[in-house]
Amino acid sequence: PTGVPRTSRNTMLRTRAVQRGVMRAIARAATRTPTQRTYITPAYNLAKRIMPKISPTEEAALNSGTICFDRDLFSGDPTTKSLLARYKISLSAEEQSFIDNETHVLCEMLDNNQIDEDQNLPPA
């Protein structure tokens, strides 16, 4: 409606937005079970008001997955047994080939005694 004055148009747009919001709320309420409307939603809203906001660091920790090994690490007593018990650790065929070949060749090229004396790796 281009012939409608600006204030009337703004009012009409706001009214339509409110109507759409009300219709969405009614649709959401209609799809909820009576238990949700009676108990769960009010309890959730109460908890949301009472609980402190989650910091970005806490959110990152919660989204990162498991904390099992982290707990062992920060307790000061991490063990590889607990790590291996929780996770299946294996190398891919490409990684195993690299360890068997390139790493083996590199170790043969180095002289540990000379490295200890020089306190440095040999020049390239």
Foldseek 3Di string as FASTA:
>chain_A
DVVDDPVVVVVVVVVVVVVVVVVVVVVVVVPDDPCCVPPVVVVVVVCVVPDDDDDPVNVCVVVVDDCVQVVCVVVVHHDVVVVVVVDPDDDDPVVVVCCVPVVVVVVVPFDVVVCVVVVHGDDD
